Amino acid sequence: MIADRDRLATSDARETALACVEAGIEAGHPRTVVREAVSLEGETLRVADATYDLEAYAEIVVLGGGNAAAHVAAALEEILGDRIDGGVVVTDDPVETERVTVREGDHPTPSERGVAGTRALLEAAAAAGEDALVLAAITGGGSALMAAPAGDVSLAALQSTTEALLESGADIGEINAVRKHLSALKGGRLARRAAPATVAGVILSDVVGNDPSVLASGPAAPDESTFTDARSVLERYGIDVPEAVRERLERGAAGEIDETPGPADPAFERVSNHVVADGMTVLEAARDAAAERGYEPLVLSSRVRGEAREAATTHVAIAEEIRATGTPIEPPAAVLSGGETTVTVRGDGAGGPNQEFATSAALSLAASGTDAAVAAVDTDGIDGATDAAGALVDGATVEDPDAARAALADNDVCPYLESGNGLVLTGPTGTNLNDLRVLVVQ
């Protein structure tokens, strides 16, 4: 799974950190979680804790998008076989399917091919009749991949707005409040397009708290955010957007454009959303991998958020305490966390939240002399807009603290980590369950 693994695993601590990363990503793959959450017994389909009598439906279609959407579709085909009549998913990690059409898009910035695939997805949703069962394969990355600019908003305007939001330091809920109100699909509009079909969401969550209305900007979930909320996000972070975006949000706030459908909308009368995997899925597998290697595991939280470099100093402080006092656990130990940190971009470099976390952690480890290794990755294999999943560092990574600080100041940690052989490269992993951080304390 990890390129140049032997080169990275130069100590027991580093090898253990990589093993935890691999175990977590593998546990969160759709081929694993969908088989556990979805089953077919006779004519009864089980999705998590809900059941569906297939005799009540004339067709079954799979619709959705996200980094792992094609893998979800393939897993559903394995379970349902020729009972699936078709469908469309949009992804940047395509796999071969027999009955569901896989369309490619781009992430984290939307693209023309993503728009074309999303148009096909919306057409398939509109074609679903009242007697159809729609299995909505929704995973992380869907906000960018299922690009459907609304009204007079162009793809170029959507792209520049997306990039500005991702660089602003706003959290995913705030970012998606804006994206929902610039889309013909997000904020419950896919469910409205498919109504009155029955919709069962098969969701792999990459958002803290597993709110279906935030995940992939909630294409099949009621939306309580408003045009006014979206405008407030832009104002709060000082984000300058194209005129078409500003005008649409202003018109919506004035009541000239219909709001996204809320909880009382009839479009959701036959919709249920089921989260079949999330950040805790990853953490539990990583915890078990650490324990198998003789390390005492501690799961801090699956909900860590905030500025990446600041979260790193807190994590290292816990490692220092373990080494110094055996609190909260005795070494050797593995401290694990998930969630989604952010980066407020002020420089003009390359990197991502996990790479910034790792660089900041390496600085703290070097300063304190703590014997520990830190791996921080995005489980989809893409950290920020780079080809790296994240990074693996220890106290010896930083030879020149000033160079590390300069890389952080310019948000240019990717080349800095690459020069020190610190990048973790996996390629697309087939899943997306948010970030995974592993601190292995000797």
Protein backbone atom coordinates (compact mmCIF):
# COMPACT_ATOMS: atom_id res chain seq x y z
CA MET A 1 0.00 0.00 0.00
CA ILE A 2 2.78 2.45 0.93
CA ALA A 3 5.45 3.21 -1.65
CA ASP A 4 9.07 2.78 -0.48
CA ARG A 5 7.82 1.32 2.78
CA ASP A 6 11.19 -0.23 3.62
CA ARG A 7 12.90 3.13 3.17
CA LEU A 8 10.48 4.76 5.59
CA ALA A 9 10.45 1.99 8.22
CA THR A 10 13.91 2.65 9.63
CA SER A 11 12.94 2.00 13.27
CA ASP A 12 10.43 -0.09 15.16
CA ALA A 13 8.43 3.01 15.98
CA ARG A 14 8.27 4.11 12.35
CA GLU A 15 7.39 0.60 11.16
CA THR A 16 4.59 0.42 13.74
CA ALA A 17 3.22 3.80 12.65
CA LEU A 18 3.09 2.61 9.04
CA ALA A 19 1.45 -0.67 10.05
CA CYS A 20 -1.24 1.27 11.89
CA VAL A 21 -1.84 3.44 8.83
CA GLU A 22 -2.15 0.42 6.57
CA ALA A 23 -4.48 -1.41 8.96
CA GLY A 24 -6.73 1.62 9.31
CA ILE A 25 -7.04 2.27 5.59
CA GLU A 26 -7.67 -1.39 4.81
CA ALA A 27 -10.39 -1.63 7.48
CA GLY A 28 -12.18 1.34 5.93
CA HIS A 29 -12.21 0.04 2.36
CA PRO A 30 -15.71 -0.40 0.87
CA ARG A 31 -15.08 -4.07 0.11
CA THR A 32 -14.82 -4.55 3.87
CA VAL A 33 -17.39 -2.18 5.31
CA VAL A 34 -20.10 -2.60 2.67
CA ARG A 35 -20.03 -6.39 3.03
CA GLU A 36 -20.48 -5.97 6.77
CA ALA A 37 -23.26 -3.38 6.55
CA VAL A 38 -25.21 -4.61 3.51
CA SER A 39 -26.61 -8.10 3.03
CA LEU A 40 -29.24 -9.89 0.99
CA GLU A 41 -31.40 -12.70 2.36
CA GLY A 42 -34.02 -13.87 -0.10
CA GLU A 43 -35.91 -10.74 -1.10
CA THR A 44 -34.84 -8.74 1.95
CA LEU A 45 -32.02 -6.24 1.59
CA ARG A 46 -30.42 -5.03 4.79
CA VAL A 47 -28.58 -1.70 4.85
CA ALA A 48 -27.17 -1.10 8.33
CA ASP A 49 -30.22 -1.30 10.63
CA ALA A 50 -32.85 -0.86 7.90
CA THR A 51 -34.45 -3.49 5.68
CA TYR A 52 -36.02 -3.22 2.22
CA ASP A 53 -38.39 -5.72 0.62
CA LEU A 54 -37.11 -5.93 -2.93
CA GLU A 55 -40.43 -7.30 -4.17
CA ALA A 56 -41.79 -3.77 -3.66
CA TYR A 57 -39.45 -2.24 -6.25
CA ALA A 58 -39.44 -2.46 -10.02
CA GLU A 59 -35.78 -1.43 -10.31
CA ILE A 60 -32.67 -0.86 -8.22
CA VAL A 61 -30.19 1.83 -9.24
CA VAL A 62 -26.94 3.04 -7.68
CA LEU A 63 -26.33 6.80 -7.75
CA GLY A 64 -23.71 8.93 -6.06
CA GLY A 65 -20.17 10.15 -5.95
CA GLY A 66 -16.98 10.63 -3.98
CA ASN A 67 -13.46 9.26 -3.79
CA ALA A 68 -14.72 5.78 -2.86
CA ALA A 69 -18.02 5.79 -4.76
CA ALA A 70 -16.94 3.36 -7.50
CA HIS A 71 -15.64 0.93 -4.89
CA VAL A 72 -18.98 1.15 -3.07
CA ALA A 73 -20.79 0.49 -6.35
CA ALA A 74 -18.58 -2.54 -7.04
CA ALA A 75 -19.22 -3.90 -3.54
CA LEU A 76 -22.98 -3.45 -4.01
CA GLU A 77 -22.77 -5.30 -7.32
CA GLU A 78 -21.07 -8.21 -5.58
CA ILE A 79 -23.99 -8.43 -3.15
CA LEU A 80 -26.91 -7.73 -5.47
CA GLY A 81 -25.59 -8.92 -8.83
CA ASP A 82 -28.04 -8.54 -11.69
CA ARG A 83 -30.71 -7.17 -9.38
CA ILE A 84 -29.02 -3.82 -9.97
CA ASP A 85 -30.51 -2.28 -13.10
CA GLY A 86 -27.97 0.50 -13.59
CA GLY A 87 -26.82 3.77 -12.15
CA VAL A 88 -24.11 6.44 -12.26
CA VAL A 89 -21.34 7.35 -9.83
CA VAL A 90 -18.75 10.12 -10.19
CA THR A 91 -15.27 9.51 -8.76
CA ASP A 92 -11.54 10.12 -9.18
CA ASP A 93 -10.74 6.49 -8.31
CA PRO A 94 -12.51 4.39 -10.98
CA VAL A 95 -12.80 0.62 -10.83
CA GLU A 96 -14.45 -1.84 -13.17
CA THR A 97 -18.18 -2.38 -12.66
CA GLU A 98 -20.69 -4.42 -14.62
CA ARG A 99 -23.96 -2.54 -14.23
CA VAL A 100 -23.19 0.89 -12.77
CA THR A 101 -21.64 3.53 -15.03
CA VAL A 102 -18.51 5.08 -13.52
CA ARG A 103 -17.83 8.67 -14.56
CA GLU A 104 -14.57 10.41 -13.67
CA GLY A 105 -14.21 13.78 -12.02
CA ASP A 106 -11.52 15.65 -10.12
CA HIS A 107 -10.74 16.45 -6.50
CA PRO A 108 -10.25 18.74 -4.60
CA THR A 109 -11.05 21.26 -7.35
CA PRO A 110 -14.09 20.54 -9.56
CA SER A 111 -13.57 20.02 -13.28
CA GLU A 112 -15.42 19.93 -16.59
CA ARG A 113 -15.46 16.14 -16.68
CA GLY A 114 -16.90 16.15 -13.18
CA VAL A 115 -19.64 18.48 -14.37
CA ALA A 116 -20.41 16.18 -17.31
CA GLY A 117 -20.55 13.14 -15.03
CA THR A 118 -22.79 14.96 -12.57
CA ARG A 119 -25.20 15.92 -15.34
CA ALA A 120 -25.49 12.21 -16.20
CA LEU A 121 -26.03 11.47 -12.50
CA LEU A 122 -28.84 14.02 -12.23
CA GLU A 123 -30.49 12.65 -15.38
CA ALA A 124 -30.39 9.14 -13.93
CA ALA A 125 -31.93 10.42 -10.69
CA ALA A 126 -34.73 12.15 -12.57
CA ALA A 127 -35.45 8.93 -14.47
CA ALA A 128 -35.96 6.92 -11.26
CA GLY A 129 -39.64 6.18 -10.84
CA GLU A 130 -41.80 5.91 -7.75
CA ASP A 131 -41.22 2.16 -7.68
CA ALA A 132 -37.40 2.48 -7.78
CA LEU A 133 -34.95 1.83 -4.95
CA VAL A 134 -32.00 4.19 -5.20
CA LEU A 135 -28.87 3.12 -3.34
CA ALA A 136 -27.01 6.40 -2.87
CA ALA A 137 -23.26 5.73 -2.69
CA ILE A 138 -22.02 8.89 -0.97
CA THR A 139 -18.43 9.24 0.21
CA GLY A 140 -15.90 11.87 1.09
CA GLY A 141 -14.72 14.00 -1.82
CA GLY A 142 -18.21 14.15 -3.28
CA SER A 143 -18.48 17.91 -2.96
CA ALA A 144 -15.76 18.48 -5.54
CA LEU A 145 -16.43 15.44 -7.69
CA MET A 146 -20.19 15.95 -8.06
CA ALA A 147 -19.87 19.42 -9.56
CA ALA A 148 -23.14 20.94 -10.75
CA PRO A 149 -22.93 24.76 -10.90
CA ALA A 150 -26.36 26.31 -10.42
CA GLY A 151 -27.92 29.23 -12.23
CA ASP A 152 -25.43 31.64 -13.79
CA VAL A 153 -22.46 30.28 -11.82
CA SER A 154 -19.79 29.04 -14.24
CA LEU A 155 -17.38 26.20 -13.62
CA ALA A 156 -14.52 28.72 -13.48
CA ALA A 157 -16.37 30.71 -10.80
CA LEU A 158 -17.04 27.52 -8.85
CA GLN A 159 -13.38 26.50 -9.12
CA SER A 160 -12.00 29.80 -7.84
CA THR A 161 -14.55 29.89 -5.02
CA THR A 162 -13.69 26.32 -4.01
CA GLU A 163 -9.97 27.05 -3.95
CA ALA A 164 -10.48 30.20 -1.88
CA LEU A 165 -12.66 28.33 0.62
CA LEU A 166 -10.15 25.50 0.99
CA GLU A 167 -7.34 27.98 1.67
CA SER A 168 -9.32 30.13 4.11
CA GLY A 169 -9.11 27.97 7.23
CA ALA A 170 -12.90 27.50 7.29
CA ASP A 171 -14.14 24.16 8.56
CA ILE A 172 -15.90 21.68 6.28
CA GLY A 173 -19.39 22.62 7.51
CA GLU A 174 -18.78 26.26 6.63
CA ILE A 175 -17.22 25.40 3.28
CA ASN A 176 -20.11 23.15 2.33
CA ALA A 177 -22.73 25.70 3.36
CA VAL A 178 -21.40 27.79 0.49
CA ARG A 179 -21.03 24.91 -1.96
CA LYS A 180 -24.60 23.74 -1.33
CA HIS A 181 -25.98 27.09 -2.41
CA LEU A 182 -24.00 27.13 -5.64
CA SER A 183 -25.10 23.65 -6.76
CA ALA A 184 -27.97 21.95 -8.55
CA LEU A 185 -27.25 18.69 -6.68
CA LYS A 186 -25.99 19.43 -3.17
CA GLY A 187 -28.01 20.36 -0.11
CA GLY A 188 -30.64 17.66 -0.69
CA ARG A 189 -31.28 18.50 -4.33
CA LEU A 190 -30.25 15.02 -5.54
CA ALA A 191 -32.95 13.53 -3.30
CA ARG A 192 -35.45 16.05 -4.64
CA ARG A 193 -34.47 15.08 -8.20
CA ALA A 194 -34.97 11.36 -7.41
CA ALA A 195 -38.29 11.79 -5.57
CA PRO A 196 -40.62 9.99 -5.17
CA ALA A 197 -38.24 7.02 -5.43
CA THR A 198 -37.07 5.35 -2.23
CA VAL A 199 -33.51 6.41 -1.41
CA ALA A 200 -31.17 4.50 0.90
CA GLY A 201 -27.87 6.28 1.49
CA VAL A 202 -24.80 4.03 1.82
CA ILE A 203 -22.38 6.52 3.34
CA LEU A 204 -18.68 6.45 4.11
CA SER A 205 -18.19 9.50 6.31
CA ASP A 206 -15.16 11.78 6.23
CA VAL A 207 -16.69 14.52 8.38
CA VAL A 208 -16.52 15.00 12.11
CA GLY A 209 -19.83 13.99 13.66
CA ASN A 210 -21.08 12.08 10.58
CA ASP A 211 -23.70 14.68 9.68
CA PRO A 212 -25.16 13.49 6.33
CA SER A 213 -26.02 17.08 5.44
CA VAL A 214 -22.32 18.00 5.57
CA LEU A 215 -20.81 14.88 4.01
CA ALA A 216 -20.30 15.53 0.28
CA SER A 217 -22.47 18.62 0.89
CA GLY A 218 -25.48 16.43 1.63
CA PRO A 219 -26.89 15.54 -1.80
CA ALA A 220 -29.51 13.24 -0.26
CA ALA A 221 -29.96 14.90 3.14
CA PRO A 222 -32.12 17.79 4.38
CA ASP A 223 -30.26 21.07 4.62
CA GLU A 224 -30.75 23.60 7.38
CA SER A 225 -28.12 26.05 6.13
CA THR A 226 -29.27 29.11 4.18
CA PHE A 227 -28.08 31.54 1.56
CA THR A 228 -27.54 33.99 4.41
CA ASP A 229 -25.32 31.47 6.17
CA ALA A 230 -23.28 31.05 2.99
CA ARG A 231 -22.79 34.81 2.67
CA SER A 232 -21.73 34.97 6.32
CA VAL A 233 -18.98 32.40 5.73
CA LEU A 234 -17.51 34.50 2.92
CA GLU A 235 -17.64 37.61 5.09
CA ARG A 236 -16.18 35.83 8.16
CA TYR A 237 -13.10 34.68 6.29
CA GLY A 238 -12.76 37.65 3.97
CA ILE A 239 -13.19 35.52 0.85
CA ASP A 240 -13.41 37.40 -2.44
CA VAL A 241 -15.59 35.53 -4.94
CA PRO A 242 -16.59 36.07 -8.59
CA GLU A 243 -19.52 38.36 -9.30
CA ALA A 244 -21.84 35.51 -10.35
CA VAL A 245 -21.30 33.77 -6.99
CA ARG A 246 -21.83 36.94 -4.98
CA GLU A 247 -24.97 37.79 -6.95
CA ARG A 248 -26.49 34.32 -6.53
CA LEU A 249 -25.97 34.33 -2.78
CA GLU A 250 -27.39 37.84 -2.46
CA ARG A 251 -30.45 36.96 -4.53
CA GLY A 252 -30.96 33.81 -2.47
CA ALA A 253 -30.68 35.72 0.79
CA ALA A 254 -33.28 38.16 -0.54
CA GLY A 255 -35.68 35.30 -1.22
CA GLU A 256 -35.43 35.49 -5.01
CA ILE A 257 -34.05 31.93 -5.31
CA ASP A 258 -35.55 28.91 -3.59
CA GLU A 259 -33.67 27.63 -0.56
CA THR A 260 -32.21 24.15 -0.38
CA PRO A 261 -34.84 21.64 0.81
CA GLY A 262 -35.09 21.39 4.60
CA PRO A 263 -36.22 18.58 6.94
CA ALA A 264 -39.91 19.19 6.29
CA ASP A 265 -39.58 18.94 2.52
CA PRO A 266 -41.61 16.04 1.02
CA ALA A 267 -38.55 15.03 -1.00
CA PHE A 268 -37.24 13.26 2.11
CA GLU A 269 -40.35 11.25 2.98
CA ARG A 270 -38.78 8.11 1.48
CA VAL A 271 -35.12 8.85 2.17
CA SER A 272 -32.90 7.27 4.83
CA ASN A 273 -29.17 7.71 5.24
CA HIS A 274 -26.91 5.04 6.72
CA VAL A 275 -23.29 5.68 7.74
CA VAL A 276 -21.51 2.35 7.24
CA ALA A 277 -17.98 3.56 8.08
CA ASP A 278 -16.34 6.61 9.62
CA GLY A 279 -13.17 7.78 11.28
CA MET A 280 -13.64 5.46 14.23
CA THR A 281 -13.60 2.49 11.84
CA VAL A 282 -10.05 3.46 10.93
CA LEU A 283 -8.96 4.22 14.49
CA GLU A 284 -10.16 0.90 15.88
CA ALA A 285 -8.17 -1.04 13.29
CA ALA A 286 -5.07 1.08 13.88
CA ARG A 287 -5.46 0.60 17.63
CA ASP A 288 -5.54 -3.17 17.21
CA ALA A 289 -2.45 -3.09 14.98
CA ALA A 290 -0.53 -1.16 17.61
CA ALA A 291 -1.58 -3.55 20.37
CA GLU A 292 -0.49 -6.55 18.31
CA ARG A 293 2.99 -5.04 18.16
CA GLY A 294 3.24 -4.61 21.92
CA TYR A 295 2.32 -0.93 22.16
CA GLU A 296 -0.29 0.33 24.62
CA PRO A 297 -2.85 2.11 22.40
CA LEU A 298 -4.76 5.26 23.28
CA VAL A 299 -7.46 6.65 21.00
CA LEU A 300 -7.65 10.36 21.75
CA SER A 301 -10.59 11.26 19.51
CA SER A 302 -12.04 10.79 16.05
CA ARG A 303 -13.07 14.46 16.08
CA VAL A 304 -9.85 16.47 16.20
CA ARG A 305 -10.12 19.72 14.24
CA GLY A 306 -8.56 23.16 14.16
CA GLU A 307 -5.31 24.43 12.67
CA ALA A 308 -3.09 21.45 11.79
CA ARG A 309 0.20 22.83 13.12
CA GLU A 310 -1.39 23.73 16.46
CA ALA A 311 -3.04 20.32 16.84
CA ALA A 312 0.40 18.78 16.30
CA THR A 313 1.96 20.56 19.27
CA THR A 314 -0.83 19.28 21.52
CA HIS A 315 -0.32 15.71 20.31
CA VAL A 316 3.43 15.89 20.89
CA ALA A 317 2.82 17.30 24.37
CA ILE A 318 0.89 14.11 25.17
CA ALA A 319 3.80 12.03 23.87
CA GLU A 320 6.17 14.02 26.08
CA GLU A 321 3.96 13.36 29.11
CA ILE A 322 3.88 9.64 28.38
CA ARG A 323 7.68 9.57 28.24
CA ALA A 324 8.13 11.72 31.34
CA THR A 325 5.45 10.43 33.73
CA GLY A 326 3.66 7.46 32.15
CA THR A 327 0.49 9.53 31.96
CA PRO A 328 -2.10 8.85 30.60
CA ILE A 329 -0.51 5.51 29.58
CA GLU A 330 2.86 3.86 30.03
CA PRO A 331 5.29 3.59 27.13
CA PRO A 332 5.78 1.95 24.74
CA ALA A 333 2.56 3.54 23.54
CA ALA A 334 0.66 4.48 20.41
CA VAL A 335 -1.50 7.60 20.53
CA LEU A 336 -4.15 7.71 17.79
CA SER A 337 -6.50 10.38 16.53
CA GLY A 338 -8.77 11.15 13.61
CA GLY A 339 -10.85 14.08 12.45
CA GLU A 340 -10.09 16.88 10.03
CA THR A 341 -7.63 19.66 10.71
CA THR A 342 -7.40 22.72 8.51
CA VAL A 343 -4.74 25.04 7.10
CA THR A 344 -5.10 28.77 6.73
CA VAL A 345 -3.01 29.39 3.63
CA ARG A 346 -0.89 32.53 3.75
CA GLY A 347 2.02 31.38 1.60
CA ASP A 348 2.34 30.09 -1.93
CA GLY A 349 3.68 26.56 -1.55
CA ALA A 350 2.55 22.96 -1.73
CA GLY A 351 1.31 20.80 1.11
CA GLY A 352 -1.74 19.76 3.05
CA PRO A 353 -3.07 19.54 6.61
CA ASN A 354 -1.39 16.23 7.38
CA GLN A 355 1.94 17.36 6.01
CA GLU A 356 1.74 20.54 8.07
CA PHE A 357 0.79 18.46 11.13
CA ALA A 358 3.80 16.21 10.58
CA THR A 359 6.22 19.10 10.04
CA SER A 360 5.02 20.90 13.15
CA ALA A 361 5.21 17.63 15.12
CA ALA A 362 8.77 17.01 13.90
CA LEU A 363 9.80 20.46 15.12
CA SER A 364 8.32 19.80 18.56
CA LEU A 365 9.91 16.33 18.78
CA ALA A 366 13.31 17.72 17.86
CA ALA A 367 13.03 20.53 20.40
CA SER A 368 12.00 18.24 23.26
CA GLY A 369 14.17 15.27 22.35
CA THR A 370 11.20 12.93 22.62
CA ASP A 371 11.81 9.45 21.18
CA ALA A 372 8.69 9.06 19.03
CA ALA A 373 7.53 8.69 15.44
CA VAL A 374 4.53 10.47 13.95
CA ALA A 375 2.51 9.43 10.89
CA ALA A 376 -0.26 11.71 9.65
CA VAL A 377 -2.24 10.83 6.52
CA ASP A 378 -5.48 11.48 4.73
CA THR A 379 -7.09 8.08 4.28
CA ASP A 380 -8.01 8.80 0.65
CA GLY A 381 -4.31 9.04 -0.23
CA ILE A 382 -4.52 12.73 -1.16
CA ASP A 383 -3.41 15.37 1.34
CA GLY A 384 -4.35 18.83 0.14
CA ALA A 385 -3.68 19.19 -3.58
CA THR A 386 -0.58 16.97 -3.56
CA ASP A 387 0.16 13.39 -4.59
CA ALA A 388 1.15 12.47 -1.02
CA ALA A 389 -1.19 10.92 1.53
CA GLY A 390 0.75 12.64 4.30
CA ALA A 391 4.05 12.17 6.07
CA LEU A 392 6.07 10.11 8.54
CA VAL A 393 8.53 11.95 10.81
CA ASP A 394 10.49 11.59 14.03
CA GLY A 395 12.85 13.68 16.13
CA ALA A 396 15.65 13.29 13.60
CA THR A 397 13.60 14.61 10.66
CA VAL A 398 14.35 18.26 11.38
CA GLU A 399 18.05 18.99 10.97
CA ASP A 400 17.54 22.71 10.42
CA PRO A 401 14.65 24.12 12.51
CA ASP A 402 14.73 27.42 10.63
CA ALA A 403 14.14 25.63 7.31
CA ALA A 404 11.18 23.73 8.79
CA ARG A 405 9.68 26.92 10.19
CA ALA A 406 10.15 28.68 6.86
CA ALA A 407 8.36 25.83 5.05
CA LEU A 408 5.44 26.13 7.45
CA ALA A 409 5.34 29.91 7.12
CA ASP A 410 5.12 29.64 3.33
CA ASN A 411 2.75 26.63 3.42
CA ASP A 412 5.42 24.82 1.43
CA VAL A 413 6.01 21.71 3.53
CA CYS A 414 5.63 19.14 0.72
CA PRO A 415 9.04 19.80 -0.91
CA TYR A 416 10.60 20.15 2.56
CA LEU A 417 9.33 16.72 3.61
CA GLU A 418 10.22 15.21 0.24
CA SER A 419 13.81 16.37 0.61
CA GLY A 420 13.96 14.57 3.95
CA ASN A 421 12.32 11.38 2.64
CA GLY A 422 9.30 11.99 4.86
CA LEU A 423 6.39 11.79 2.43
CA VAL A 424 3.98 8.86 2.62
CA LEU A 425 2.74 7.91 -0.86
CA THR A 426 -0.13 5.48 -1.32
CA GLY A 427 -1.95 6.60 -4.44
CA PRO A 428 -5.76 6.43 -4.34
CA THR A 429 -6.71 4.08 -1.50
CA GLY A 430 -10.29 3.28 -2.46
CA THR A 431 -11.71 4.91 0.67
CA ASN A 432 -12.02 8.28 2.39
CA LEU A 433 -12.63 8.31 6.11
CA ASN A 434 -10.86 11.49 7.07
CA ASP A 435 -7.43 11.86 8.63
CA LEU A 436 -5.46 9.32 10.67
CA ARG A 437 -2.64 10.32 13.00
CA VAL A 438 -0.40 7.87 14.83
CA LEU A 439 2.21 8.83 17.47
CA VAL A 440 4.37 5.90 18.49
CA VAL A 441 6.25 6.56 21.72
CA GLN A 442 9.22 4.34 22.56
